[in-house]
N, C-alpha and C. Protein backbone atom coordinates (compact mmCIF):
# COMPACT_ATOMS: atom_id res chain seq x y z
N MET A 1 -53.35 -122.33 -21.78
CA MET A 1 -54.47 -122.42 -22.67
C MET A 1 -54.22 -123.55 -23.66
N SER A 2 -55.16 -124.44 -23.80
CA SER A 2 -54.98 -125.57 -24.71
C SER A 2 -55.46 -125.22 -26.12
N ASP A 3 -54.99 -126.02 -27.06
CA ASP A 3 -55.33 -125.81 -28.48
C ASP A 3 -56.80 -126.17 -28.67
N THR A 4 -57.56 -125.30 -29.36
CA THR A 4 -58.99 -125.54 -29.58
C THR A 4 -59.23 -126.36 -30.82
N MET A 5 -58.19 -126.62 -31.62
CA MET A 5 -58.36 -127.40 -32.86
C MET A 5 -57.85 -128.81 -32.63
N THR A 6 -58.41 -129.74 -33.41
CA THR A 6 -57.91 -131.11 -33.37
C THR A 6 -56.60 -131.14 -34.14
N PRO A 7 -55.79 -132.17 -33.94
CA PRO A 7 -54.52 -132.24 -34.70
C PRO A 7 -54.70 -132.20 -36.21
N GLU A 8 -55.79 -132.79 -36.71
CA GLU A 8 -56.05 -132.77 -38.15
C GLU A 8 -56.39 -131.34 -38.62
N GLN A 9 -57.21 -130.63 -37.86
CA GLN A 9 -57.56 -129.25 -38.20
C GLN A 9 -56.31 -128.36 -38.15
N ARG A 10 -55.48 -128.52 -37.13
CA ARG A 10 -54.28 -127.73 -37.01
C ARG A 10 -53.33 -128.01 -38.18
N SER A 11 -53.20 -129.27 -38.56
CA SER A 11 -52.35 -129.65 -39.68
C SER A 11 -52.85 -129.02 -40.98
N ARG A 12 -54.16 -129.06 -41.21
CA ARG A 12 -54.73 -128.44 -42.40
C ARG A 12 -54.52 -126.93 -42.40
N CYS A 13 -54.67 -126.32 -41.23
CA CYS A 13 -54.48 -124.87 -41.11
C CYS A 13 -53.04 -124.48 -41.41
N MET A 14 -52.07 -125.21 -40.85
CA MET A 14 -50.65 -124.90 -41.07
C MET A 14 -50.24 -125.17 -42.50
N ALA A 15 -50.81 -126.18 -43.13
CA ALA A 15 -50.46 -126.50 -44.54
C ALA A 15 -50.97 -125.45 -45.49
N ALA A 16 -51.97 -124.66 -45.06
CA ALA A 16 -52.53 -123.62 -45.94
C ALA A 16 -51.71 -122.36 -45.97
N ILE A 17 -50.68 -122.27 -45.13
CA ILE A 17 -49.83 -121.08 -45.10
C ILE A 17 -48.86 -121.13 -46.26
N HIS A 18 -48.84 -120.08 -47.04
CA HIS A 18 -48.00 -120.02 -48.24
C HIS A 18 -46.63 -119.44 -47.93
N GLY A 19 -45.62 -119.86 -48.72
CA GLY A 19 -44.28 -119.35 -48.54
C GLY A 19 -43.95 -118.18 -49.42
N LYS A 20 -44.74 -117.96 -50.46
CA LYS A 20 -44.47 -116.78 -51.32
C LYS A 20 -45.79 -116.14 -51.71
N ASP A 21 -45.69 -114.90 -52.23
CA ASP A 21 -46.85 -114.10 -52.59
C ASP A 21 -47.76 -113.84 -51.39
N THR A 22 -47.16 -113.65 -50.24
CA THR A 22 -47.95 -113.31 -49.06
C THR A 22 -48.39 -111.85 -49.16
N LYS A 23 -49.32 -111.45 -48.35
CA LYS A 23 -49.82 -110.05 -48.39
C LYS A 23 -48.71 -109.04 -48.16
N PRO A 24 -47.81 -109.24 -47.16
CA PRO A 24 -46.73 -108.27 -47.00
C PRO A 24 -45.80 -108.19 -48.22
N GLU A 25 -45.49 -109.34 -48.82
CA GLU A 25 -44.64 -109.34 -50.01
C GLU A 25 -45.29 -108.57 -51.17
N VAL A 26 -46.55 -108.85 -51.41
CA VAL A 26 -47.26 -108.18 -52.51
C VAL A 26 -47.33 -106.67 -52.24
N LEU A 27 -47.55 -106.28 -51.00
CA LEU A 27 -47.62 -104.87 -50.64
C LEU A 27 -46.30 -104.16 -50.96
N VAL A 28 -45.17 -104.75 -50.55
CA VAL A 28 -43.86 -104.16 -50.80
C VAL A 28 -43.58 -104.12 -52.30
N ARG A 29 -43.89 -105.19 -53.02
CA ARG A 29 -43.64 -105.22 -54.46
C ARG A 29 -44.45 -104.13 -55.19
N LYS A 30 -45.72 -103.99 -54.82
CA LYS A 30 -46.54 -102.95 -55.45
C LYS A 30 -45.98 -101.56 -55.18
N PHE A 31 -45.55 -101.32 -53.96
CA PHE A 31 -44.99 -100.03 -53.60
C PHE A 31 -43.74 -99.73 -54.43
N LEU A 32 -42.80 -100.69 -54.48
CA LEU A 32 -41.57 -100.49 -55.22
C LEU A 32 -41.81 -100.32 -56.72
N PHE A 33 -42.75 -101.08 -57.25
CA PHE A 33 -43.08 -100.97 -58.68
C PHE A 33 -43.66 -99.59 -58.98
N ALA A 34 -44.53 -99.10 -58.08
CA ALA A 34 -45.13 -97.78 -58.27
C ALA A 34 -44.07 -96.67 -58.21
N LYS A 35 -42.97 -96.92 -57.48
CA LYS A 35 -41.87 -95.96 -57.38
C LYS A 35 -40.93 -96.04 -58.59
N GLY A 36 -41.21 -96.97 -59.50
CA GLY A 36 -40.40 -97.09 -60.71
C GLY A 36 -39.28 -98.09 -60.64
N LEU A 37 -39.18 -98.85 -59.56
CA LEU A 37 -38.13 -99.87 -59.44
C LEU A 37 -38.58 -101.17 -60.10
N ARG A 38 -37.66 -101.82 -60.79
CA ARG A 38 -37.96 -103.10 -61.42
C ARG A 38 -37.11 -104.17 -60.75
N PHE A 39 -37.69 -105.34 -60.58
CA PHE A 39 -37.04 -106.35 -59.76
C PHE A 39 -37.45 -107.75 -60.21
N ARG A 40 -36.75 -108.75 -59.66
CA ARG A 40 -37.12 -110.13 -59.85
C ARG A 40 -37.72 -110.62 -58.53
N VAL A 41 -38.50 -111.68 -58.62
CA VAL A 41 -39.17 -112.21 -57.43
C VAL A 41 -38.69 -113.63 -57.17
N CYS A 42 -38.35 -113.93 -55.93
CA CYS A 42 -38.00 -115.29 -55.48
C CYS A 42 -36.95 -115.93 -56.41
N ASP A 43 -35.80 -115.30 -56.54
CA ASP A 43 -34.75 -115.81 -57.41
C ASP A 43 -34.08 -117.04 -56.78
N ARG A 44 -34.30 -118.20 -57.40
CA ARG A 44 -33.77 -119.46 -56.84
C ARG A 44 -32.25 -119.58 -56.95
N LYS A 45 -31.64 -118.72 -57.79
CA LYS A 45 -30.20 -118.81 -57.99
C LYS A 45 -29.42 -118.20 -56.81
N LEU A 46 -30.08 -117.38 -55.99
CA LEU A 46 -29.41 -116.74 -54.88
C LEU A 46 -29.70 -117.47 -53.56
N PRO A 47 -28.76 -117.45 -52.62
CA PRO A 47 -28.98 -118.12 -51.32
C PRO A 47 -30.20 -117.55 -50.61
N GLY A 48 -31.03 -118.45 -50.12
CA GLY A 48 -32.22 -118.02 -49.37
C GLY A 48 -33.41 -117.67 -50.22
N LYS A 49 -33.24 -117.67 -51.56
CA LYS A 49 -34.32 -117.33 -52.48
C LYS A 49 -34.99 -116.04 -52.03
N PRO A 50 -34.30 -114.89 -52.14
CA PRO A 50 -34.85 -113.62 -51.66
C PRO A 50 -36.21 -113.31 -52.26
N ASP A 51 -37.06 -112.63 -51.47
CA ASP A 51 -38.40 -112.29 -51.94
C ASP A 51 -38.35 -111.27 -53.07
N ILE A 52 -37.44 -110.33 -53.01
CA ILE A 52 -37.28 -109.30 -54.04
C ILE A 52 -35.79 -109.13 -54.33
N VAL A 53 -35.44 -109.13 -55.62
CA VAL A 53 -34.06 -108.93 -56.04
C VAL A 53 -34.02 -107.72 -56.97
N LEU A 54 -33.23 -106.72 -56.60
CA LEU A 54 -33.03 -105.51 -57.40
C LEU A 54 -31.62 -105.54 -57.97
N PRO A 55 -31.41 -106.13 -59.15
CA PRO A 55 -30.06 -106.26 -59.68
C PRO A 55 -29.37 -104.91 -59.93
N LYS A 56 -30.12 -103.91 -60.35
CA LYS A 56 -29.53 -102.60 -60.64
C LYS A 56 -28.87 -102.01 -59.40
N TYR A 57 -29.44 -102.25 -58.24
CA TYR A 57 -28.92 -101.71 -56.96
C TYR A 57 -28.14 -102.75 -56.18
N LYS A 58 -27.99 -103.95 -56.76
CA LYS A 58 -27.28 -105.06 -56.10
C LYS A 58 -27.82 -105.25 -54.66
N THR A 59 -29.16 -105.25 -54.59
CA THR A 59 -29.86 -105.35 -53.30
C THR A 59 -30.88 -106.49 -53.33
N VAL A 60 -30.99 -107.21 -52.23
CA VAL A 60 -32.03 -108.22 -52.07
C VAL A 60 -32.85 -107.86 -50.82
N ILE A 61 -34.13 -108.18 -50.88
CA ILE A 61 -35.02 -107.88 -49.76
C ILE A 61 -35.74 -109.14 -49.34
N PHE A 62 -35.76 -109.39 -48.05
CA PHE A 62 -36.53 -110.46 -47.47
C PHE A 62 -37.65 -109.85 -46.65
N ILE A 63 -38.86 -110.30 -46.82
CA ILE A 63 -39.98 -109.87 -45.99
C ILE A 63 -40.28 -111.06 -45.08
N ASP A 64 -39.89 -110.94 -43.80
CA ASP A 64 -39.94 -112.04 -42.88
C ASP A 64 -41.19 -112.00 -42.01
N GLY A 65 -41.84 -113.14 -41.87
CA GLY A 65 -42.96 -113.27 -40.96
C GLY A 65 -42.44 -113.31 -39.53
N CYS A 66 -43.06 -112.59 -38.64
CA CYS A 66 -42.58 -112.49 -37.26
C CYS A 66 -42.54 -113.84 -36.56
N PHE A 67 -43.55 -114.66 -36.77
CA PHE A 67 -43.58 -115.97 -36.12
C PHE A 67 -42.52 -116.90 -36.69
N TRP A 68 -42.49 -117.04 -38.02
CA TRP A 68 -41.63 -118.04 -38.66
C TRP A 68 -40.15 -117.70 -38.54
N HIS A 69 -39.80 -116.45 -38.36
CA HIS A 69 -38.38 -116.07 -38.30
C HIS A 69 -37.96 -115.57 -36.91
N GLY A 70 -38.85 -115.77 -35.90
CA GLY A 70 -38.48 -115.53 -34.51
C GLY A 70 -38.18 -114.07 -34.18
N HIS A 71 -39.11 -113.17 -34.46
CA HIS A 71 -38.92 -111.75 -34.19
C HIS A 71 -39.07 -111.49 -32.68
N GLU A 72 -37.93 -111.47 -31.99
CA GLU A 72 -37.93 -111.28 -30.53
C GLU A 72 -38.58 -109.96 -30.12
N GLY A 73 -39.39 -109.99 -29.11
CA GLY A 73 -40.03 -108.79 -28.59
C GLY A 73 -41.27 -108.34 -29.37
N CYS A 74 -41.62 -109.08 -30.39
CA CYS A 74 -42.79 -108.74 -31.21
C CYS A 74 -44.03 -109.44 -30.67
N LYS A 75 -45.16 -108.75 -30.68
CA LYS A 75 -46.39 -109.35 -30.16
C LYS A 75 -46.90 -110.46 -31.05
N TYR A 76 -46.42 -110.51 -32.32
CA TYR A 76 -46.87 -111.56 -33.24
C TYR A 76 -46.00 -112.81 -33.17
N TYR A 77 -44.95 -112.77 -32.37
CA TYR A 77 -44.09 -113.93 -32.19
C TYR A 77 -44.36 -114.56 -30.83
N ARG A 78 -45.18 -115.57 -30.81
CA ARG A 78 -45.48 -116.34 -29.60
C ARG A 78 -45.43 -117.80 -29.95
N LEU A 79 -44.70 -118.60 -29.17
CA LEU A 79 -44.63 -120.02 -29.41
C LEU A 79 -45.98 -120.65 -29.06
N PRO A 80 -46.44 -121.60 -29.87
CA PRO A 80 -47.68 -122.30 -29.52
C PRO A 80 -47.52 -123.05 -28.19
N HIS A 81 -48.63 -123.30 -27.53
CA HIS A 81 -48.58 -123.97 -26.24
C HIS A 81 -48.44 -125.48 -26.38
N THR A 82 -48.67 -125.99 -27.58
CA THR A 82 -48.50 -127.43 -27.79
C THR A 82 -47.26 -127.66 -28.68
N ASN A 83 -46.59 -128.77 -28.41
CA ASN A 83 -45.41 -129.16 -29.19
C ASN A 83 -44.33 -128.08 -29.18
N VAL A 84 -44.09 -127.50 -28.02
CA VAL A 84 -43.20 -126.34 -27.88
C VAL A 84 -41.79 -126.67 -28.35
N ASP A 85 -41.28 -127.84 -28.02
CA ASP A 85 -39.89 -128.18 -28.42
C ASP A 85 -39.73 -128.19 -29.94
N PHE A 86 -40.72 -128.74 -30.63
CA PHE A 86 -40.68 -128.77 -32.09
C PHE A 86 -40.63 -127.34 -32.67
N TRP A 87 -41.52 -126.46 -32.18
CA TRP A 87 -41.57 -125.10 -32.74
C TRP A 87 -40.33 -124.30 -32.37
N ARG A 88 -39.84 -124.45 -31.16
CA ARG A 88 -38.62 -123.75 -30.77
C ARG A 88 -37.46 -124.17 -31.67
N SER A 89 -37.34 -125.48 -31.91
CA SER A 89 -36.26 -125.98 -32.77
C SER A 89 -36.41 -125.48 -34.21
N LYS A 90 -37.63 -125.51 -34.71
CA LYS A 90 -37.88 -125.10 -36.11
C LYS A 90 -37.54 -123.62 -36.29
N ILE A 91 -37.98 -122.79 -35.38
CA ILE A 91 -37.74 -121.34 -35.51
C ILE A 91 -36.25 -121.03 -35.33
N LYS A 92 -35.59 -121.74 -34.42
CA LYS A 92 -34.15 -121.54 -34.24
C LYS A 92 -33.40 -121.92 -35.52
N THR A 93 -33.83 -123.00 -36.17
CA THR A 93 -33.21 -123.43 -37.43
C THR A 93 -33.43 -122.36 -38.51
N ASN A 94 -34.64 -121.79 -38.55
CA ASN A 94 -34.92 -120.72 -39.52
C ASN A 94 -34.02 -119.51 -39.30
N ILE A 95 -33.81 -119.13 -38.04
CA ILE A 95 -32.97 -117.97 -37.72
C ILE A 95 -31.54 -118.23 -38.17
N LEU A 96 -31.02 -119.43 -37.85
CA LEU A 96 -29.65 -119.77 -38.25
C LEU A 96 -29.50 -119.79 -39.78
N ARG A 97 -30.50 -120.32 -40.47
CA ARG A 97 -30.46 -120.34 -41.94
C ARG A 97 -30.51 -118.92 -42.50
N ASP A 98 -31.30 -118.03 -41.89
CA ASP A 98 -31.35 -116.64 -42.34
C ASP A 98 -29.99 -115.98 -42.19
N ARG A 99 -29.31 -116.20 -41.07
CA ARG A 99 -27.97 -115.60 -40.85
C ARG A 99 -26.97 -116.15 -41.87
N ARG A 100 -27.01 -117.45 -42.14
CA ARG A 100 -26.13 -118.05 -43.12
C ARG A 100 -26.36 -117.46 -44.50
N ASN A 101 -27.64 -117.33 -44.87
CA ASN A 101 -27.97 -116.75 -46.18
C ASN A 101 -27.51 -115.29 -46.28
N ASP A 102 -27.69 -114.52 -45.19
CA ASP A 102 -27.23 -113.14 -45.17
C ASP A 102 -25.73 -113.06 -45.41
N THR A 103 -24.97 -113.93 -44.74
CA THR A 103 -23.52 -113.94 -44.90
C THR A 103 -23.14 -114.33 -46.32
N ASP A 104 -23.78 -115.36 -46.87
CA ASP A 104 -23.47 -115.80 -48.23
C ASP A 104 -23.78 -114.71 -49.26
N LEU A 105 -24.91 -114.04 -49.10
CA LEU A 105 -25.28 -112.97 -50.05
C LEU A 105 -24.32 -111.79 -49.92
N THR A 106 -23.98 -111.43 -48.70
CA THR A 106 -23.05 -110.32 -48.49
C THR A 106 -21.69 -110.65 -49.09
N ASN A 107 -21.22 -111.86 -48.88
CA ASN A 107 -19.94 -112.28 -49.47
C ASN A 107 -19.97 -112.24 -50.99
N ALA A 108 -21.14 -112.44 -51.56
CA ALA A 108 -21.29 -112.39 -53.03
C ALA A 108 -21.47 -110.96 -53.54
N GLY A 109 -21.46 -109.97 -52.63
CA GLY A 109 -21.54 -108.57 -53.03
C GLY A 109 -22.93 -107.99 -53.02
N TRP A 110 -23.90 -108.67 -52.45
CA TRP A 110 -25.29 -108.16 -52.39
C TRP A 110 -25.50 -107.42 -51.08
N ARG A 111 -26.32 -106.38 -51.14
CA ARG A 111 -26.77 -105.68 -49.94
C ARG A 111 -28.08 -106.37 -49.50
N VAL A 112 -28.16 -106.73 -48.23
CA VAL A 112 -29.32 -107.48 -47.72
C VAL A 112 -30.18 -106.58 -46.84
N ILE A 113 -31.47 -106.53 -47.11
CA ILE A 113 -32.40 -105.80 -46.28
C ILE A 113 -33.50 -106.77 -45.85
N ARG A 114 -33.77 -106.78 -44.56
CA ARG A 114 -34.85 -107.61 -44.03
C ARG A 114 -35.92 -106.71 -43.43
N ILE A 115 -37.15 -106.99 -43.80
CA ILE A 115 -38.31 -106.26 -43.29
C ILE A 115 -39.18 -107.21 -42.49
N TRP A 116 -39.54 -106.83 -41.30
CA TRP A 116 -40.44 -107.65 -40.51
C TRP A 116 -41.89 -107.39 -40.92
N GLU A 117 -42.67 -108.41 -40.86
CA GLU A 117 -44.09 -108.32 -41.21
C GLU A 117 -44.79 -107.27 -40.35
N CYS A 118 -44.45 -107.17 -39.08
CA CYS A 118 -45.13 -106.21 -38.20
C CYS A 118 -44.88 -104.76 -38.56
N GLU A 119 -43.74 -104.48 -39.26
CA GLU A 119 -43.40 -103.12 -39.64
C GLU A 119 -44.37 -102.56 -40.68
N ILE A 120 -44.93 -103.44 -41.49
CA ILE A 120 -45.81 -102.96 -42.57
C ILE A 120 -47.22 -103.52 -42.38
N ARG A 121 -47.52 -104.01 -41.21
CA ARG A 121 -48.83 -104.63 -40.98
C ARG A 121 -49.94 -103.59 -40.83
N ASN A 122 -49.66 -102.50 -40.10
CA ASN A 122 -50.73 -101.50 -39.93
C ASN A 122 -50.40 -100.24 -40.73
N LYS A 123 -51.42 -99.51 -41.08
CA LYS A 123 -51.28 -98.34 -41.95
C LYS A 123 -50.40 -97.26 -41.36
N ALA A 124 -50.40 -97.11 -40.01
CA ALA A 124 -49.65 -96.04 -39.39
C ALA A 124 -48.15 -96.16 -39.65
N SER A 125 -47.59 -97.36 -39.49
CA SER A 125 -46.15 -97.53 -39.66
C SER A 125 -45.78 -97.94 -41.08
N GLN A 126 -46.75 -98.37 -41.86
CA GLN A 126 -46.52 -98.87 -43.21
C GLN A 126 -45.88 -97.87 -44.14
N VAL A 127 -46.42 -96.68 -44.20
CA VAL A 127 -45.93 -95.64 -45.12
C VAL A 127 -44.50 -95.26 -44.76
N ALA A 128 -44.22 -95.03 -43.48
CA ALA A 128 -42.89 -94.65 -43.05
C ALA A 128 -41.87 -95.74 -43.36
N ALA A 129 -42.24 -97.00 -43.10
CA ALA A 129 -41.31 -98.13 -43.36
C ALA A 129 -41.03 -98.26 -44.85
N LEU A 130 -42.05 -98.15 -45.67
CA LEU A 130 -41.84 -98.31 -47.12
C LEU A 130 -41.03 -97.14 -47.70
N GLU A 131 -41.29 -95.94 -47.24
CA GLU A 131 -40.50 -94.79 -47.72
C GLU A 131 -39.04 -94.91 -47.30
N ALA A 132 -38.80 -95.34 -46.05
CA ALA A 132 -37.42 -95.55 -45.59
C ALA A 132 -36.74 -96.63 -46.40
N LEU A 133 -37.46 -97.68 -46.73
CA LEU A 133 -36.92 -98.75 -47.58
C LEU A 133 -36.53 -98.22 -48.94
N TYR A 134 -37.40 -97.45 -49.58
CA TYR A 134 -37.13 -96.90 -50.90
C TYR A 134 -35.91 -96.01 -50.87
N ARG A 135 -35.83 -95.12 -49.89
CA ARG A 135 -34.66 -94.23 -49.79
C ARG A 135 -33.37 -94.98 -49.60
N HIS A 136 -33.43 -96.05 -48.83
CA HIS A 136 -32.24 -96.85 -48.61
C HIS A 136 -31.80 -97.56 -49.89
N ILE A 137 -32.76 -98.08 -50.64
CA ILE A 137 -32.43 -98.80 -51.88
C ILE A 137 -31.77 -97.88 -52.88
N VAL A 138 -32.35 -96.72 -53.12
CA VAL A 138 -31.83 -95.82 -54.16
C VAL A 138 -30.62 -95.02 -53.70
N GLY A 139 -30.20 -95.20 -52.45
CA GLY A 139 -28.98 -94.57 -51.99
C GLY A 139 -29.13 -93.16 -51.47
N GLN A 140 -30.34 -92.68 -51.29
CA GLN A 140 -30.51 -91.37 -50.71
C GLN A 140 -30.10 -91.45 -49.25
N THR A 141 -29.68 -90.35 -48.69
CA THR A 141 -29.26 -90.32 -47.31
C THR A 141 -30.42 -90.74 -46.43
N PRO A 142 -30.22 -91.75 -45.58
CA PRO A 142 -31.32 -92.15 -44.72
C PRO A 142 -31.70 -91.04 -43.78
N PRO A 143 -32.99 -90.87 -43.49
CA PRO A 143 -33.43 -89.81 -42.61
C PRO A 143 -33.09 -90.04 -41.15
N ILE A 144 -32.63 -91.24 -40.81
CA ILE A 144 -32.34 -91.60 -39.44
C ILE A 144 -30.97 -92.21 -39.35
N SER A 145 -30.32 -92.07 -38.22
CA SER A 145 -28.95 -92.56 -38.09
C SER A 145 -28.94 -94.06 -37.83
N TYR A 146 -27.83 -94.69 -38.18
CA TYR A 146 -27.67 -96.12 -37.97
C TYR A 146 -27.11 -96.37 -36.59
N VAL A 147 -27.56 -97.44 -35.97
CA VAL A 147 -27.08 -97.84 -34.68
C VAL A 147 -26.42 -99.21 -34.87
N GLN A 148 -25.22 -99.39 -34.36
CA GLN A 148 -24.54 -100.65 -34.50
C GLN A 148 -25.31 -101.74 -33.77
N SER A 149 -25.58 -102.84 -34.45
CA SER A 149 -26.33 -103.94 -33.86
C SER A 149 -25.45 -104.71 -32.88
N PRO A 150 -26.01 -105.18 -31.79
CA PRO A 150 -25.20 -105.96 -30.85
C PRO A 150 -24.89 -107.35 -31.42
N GLN A 151 -25.55 -107.75 -32.48
CA GLN A 151 -25.35 -109.06 -33.06
C GLN A 151 -23.93 -109.14 -33.66
N VAL A 152 -23.19 -110.18 -33.29
CA VAL A 152 -21.83 -110.36 -33.77
C VAL A 152 -21.89 -111.26 -34.99
N LEU A 153 -21.31 -110.80 -36.11
CA LEU A 153 -21.27 -111.58 -37.31
C LEU A 153 -19.84 -112.06 -37.55
N PRO A 154 -19.67 -113.17 -38.27
CA PRO A 154 -18.33 -113.73 -38.44
C PRO A 154 -17.42 -112.87 -39.30
N VAL A 155 -16.13 -113.01 -39.09
CA VAL A 155 -15.11 -112.36 -39.89
C VAL A 155 -14.31 -113.45 -40.56
N ALA A 156 -14.12 -113.34 -41.86
CA ALA A 156 -13.40 -114.35 -42.61
C ALA A 156 -12.05 -113.83 -43.05
N ALA A 157 -10.99 -114.66 -42.94
CA ALA A 157 -9.67 -114.29 -43.39
C ALA A 157 -9.16 -115.34 -44.37
N GLU A 158 -8.63 -114.89 -45.51
CA GLU A 158 -8.10 -115.78 -46.52
C GLU A 158 -6.71 -115.28 -46.90
N PRO A 159 -5.80 -116.23 -47.22
CA PRO A 159 -4.47 -115.81 -47.66
C PRO A 159 -4.57 -115.06 -48.99
N CYS A 160 -3.73 -114.02 -49.16
CA CYS A 160 -3.68 -113.23 -50.39
C CYS A 160 -2.48 -113.70 -51.21
N PRO A 161 -2.47 -113.33 -52.52
CA PRO A 161 -1.30 -113.64 -53.33
C PRO A 161 -0.04 -112.95 -52.81
N THR A 162 -0.19 -111.80 -52.14
CA THR A 162 0.94 -111.08 -51.57
C THR A 162 1.48 -111.89 -50.39
N PRO A 163 2.81 -112.12 -50.33
CA PRO A 163 3.36 -112.90 -49.20
C PRO A 163 3.07 -112.23 -47.86
N ASN A 164 2.80 -113.05 -46.87
CA ASN A 164 2.53 -112.58 -45.49
C ASN A 164 1.39 -111.58 -45.42
N ALA A 165 0.38 -111.76 -46.25
CA ALA A 165 -0.79 -110.86 -46.20
C ALA A 165 -2.06 -111.69 -46.15
N TYR A 166 -3.08 -111.11 -45.58
CA TYR A 166 -4.38 -111.77 -45.49
C TYR A 166 -5.45 -110.85 -46.01
N HIS A 167 -6.46 -111.46 -46.62
CA HIS A 167 -7.60 -110.71 -47.15
C HIS A 167 -8.74 -110.94 -46.18
N LEU A 168 -9.21 -109.87 -45.55
CA LEU A 168 -10.29 -109.98 -44.58
C LEU A 168 -11.59 -109.46 -45.17
N SER A 169 -12.66 -110.20 -44.89
CA SER A 169 -13.99 -109.74 -45.23
C SER A 169 -14.68 -109.39 -43.92
N LEU A 170 -14.85 -108.10 -43.68
CA LEU A 170 -15.51 -107.64 -42.45
C LEU A 170 -16.99 -107.47 -42.72
N ILE A 171 -17.80 -108.17 -41.96
CA ILE A 171 -19.24 -108.11 -42.17
C ILE A 171 -19.85 -107.43 -40.96
N SER A 172 -20.65 -106.38 -41.21
CA SER A 172 -21.26 -105.67 -40.09
C SER A 172 -22.76 -105.56 -40.34
N SER A 173 -23.48 -105.49 -39.25
CA SER A 173 -24.93 -105.38 -39.31
C SER A 173 -25.32 -104.06 -38.67
N HIS A 174 -26.15 -103.29 -39.32
CA HIS A 174 -26.62 -102.01 -38.82
C HIS A 174 -28.14 -102.03 -38.73
N THR A 175 -28.66 -101.40 -37.76
CA THR A 175 -30.11 -101.30 -37.62
C THR A 175 -30.49 -99.83 -37.72
N SER A 176 -31.42 -99.54 -38.62
CA SER A 176 -31.90 -98.19 -38.83
C SER A 176 -33.25 -98.09 -38.13
N GLN A 177 -33.38 -97.17 -37.21
CA GLN A 177 -34.63 -97.09 -36.43
C GLN A 177 -35.23 -95.69 -36.47
N SER A 178 -36.56 -95.67 -36.57
CA SER A 178 -37.31 -94.45 -36.38
C SER A 178 -38.43 -94.81 -35.40
N SER A 179 -39.41 -93.95 -35.27
CA SER A 179 -40.45 -94.21 -34.27
C SER A 179 -41.15 -95.56 -34.48
N ASP A 180 -41.49 -95.92 -35.72
CA ASP A 180 -42.22 -97.16 -35.96
C ASP A 180 -41.49 -98.11 -36.91
N THR A 181 -40.29 -97.77 -37.36
CA THR A 181 -39.65 -98.53 -38.39
C THR A 181 -38.29 -99.04 -37.93
N VAL A 182 -37.98 -100.30 -38.26
CA VAL A 182 -36.67 -100.87 -37.98
C VAL A 182 -36.23 -101.60 -39.24
N LEU A 183 -35.10 -101.19 -39.84
CA LEU A 183 -34.53 -101.88 -40.99
C LEU A 183 -33.18 -102.41 -40.60
N THR A 184 -32.87 -103.64 -40.97
CA THR A 184 -31.55 -104.21 -40.70
C THR A 184 -30.78 -104.29 -42.01
N ILE A 185 -29.60 -103.69 -42.04
CA ILE A 185 -28.76 -103.64 -43.23
C ILE A 185 -27.47 -104.36 -42.92
N ILE A 186 -27.08 -105.27 -43.81
CA ILE A 186 -25.84 -105.99 -43.62
C ILE A 186 -24.87 -105.52 -44.70
N GLU A 187 -23.67 -105.12 -44.28
CA GLU A 187 -22.69 -104.59 -45.23
C GLU A 187 -21.38 -105.35 -45.07
N GLN A 188 -20.60 -105.37 -46.16
CA GLN A 188 -19.31 -106.07 -46.17
C GLN A 188 -18.23 -105.11 -46.62
N GLU A 189 -17.08 -105.17 -45.94
CA GLU A 189 -15.92 -104.36 -46.33
C GLU A 189 -14.75 -105.30 -46.44
N GLU A 190 -13.98 -105.18 -47.52
CA GLU A 190 -12.83 -106.06 -47.74
C GLU A 190 -11.55 -105.26 -47.47
N VAL A 191 -10.65 -105.88 -46.70
CA VAL A 191 -9.41 -105.24 -46.27
C VAL A 191 -8.25 -106.19 -46.48
N GLU A 192 -7.09 -105.67 -46.92
CA GLU A 192 -5.89 -106.50 -47.01
C GLU A 192 -4.95 -106.09 -45.90
N ILE A 193 -4.54 -107.08 -45.10
CA ILE A 193 -3.65 -106.82 -43.99
C ILE A 193 -2.31 -107.52 -44.27
N LYS A 194 -1.25 -106.75 -44.18
CA LYS A 194 0.07 -107.32 -44.44
C LYS A 194 0.74 -107.66 -43.11
N GLY A 195 1.26 -108.86 -43.01
CA GLY A 195 1.90 -109.31 -41.80
C GLY A 195 3.40 -109.11 -41.82
N LEU A 196 4.10 -109.70 -40.83
CA LEU A 196 5.55 -109.60 -40.75
C LEU A 196 6.21 -110.63 -41.61
């Protein structure tokens, strides 16, 4: 199927897409505010400029668009039929940047939560996703069990002041799933290993 817009129309259409204050972001912010949580928005001091920063809970939230962040298996993530190489490269770069930002934030002691746009797009899954998000933020026991993500994240080792010891930062990614909701949580654990 060919593009029905001229290159000028397509350019104007793509330029009109905003990077902040999108409908999903505003929806999540209104929900969290109504639950009594206070937060900062788009903090430029943190890697990746998270959409929502909750300093009290040392948590950052990204609300990712399925197309722009390459949500595999989602019906809203389809590469355009024109200029495929450009879009594939752009989305791959976005995914790599997201992973780098997640690692940087986790290393700085932040808990990272990513929400896909499709999770809160329709009313049926919206309420369940937002309630699960709130429970996770405030530390209540999640209603669903975590499943280890197949995604492999890097492990960093640094020398410690103790002779023959190393300080390891273990980074793990967990996915919390229910019938309509998927939350990805990235956690860091620090361990000191003594050698011979």
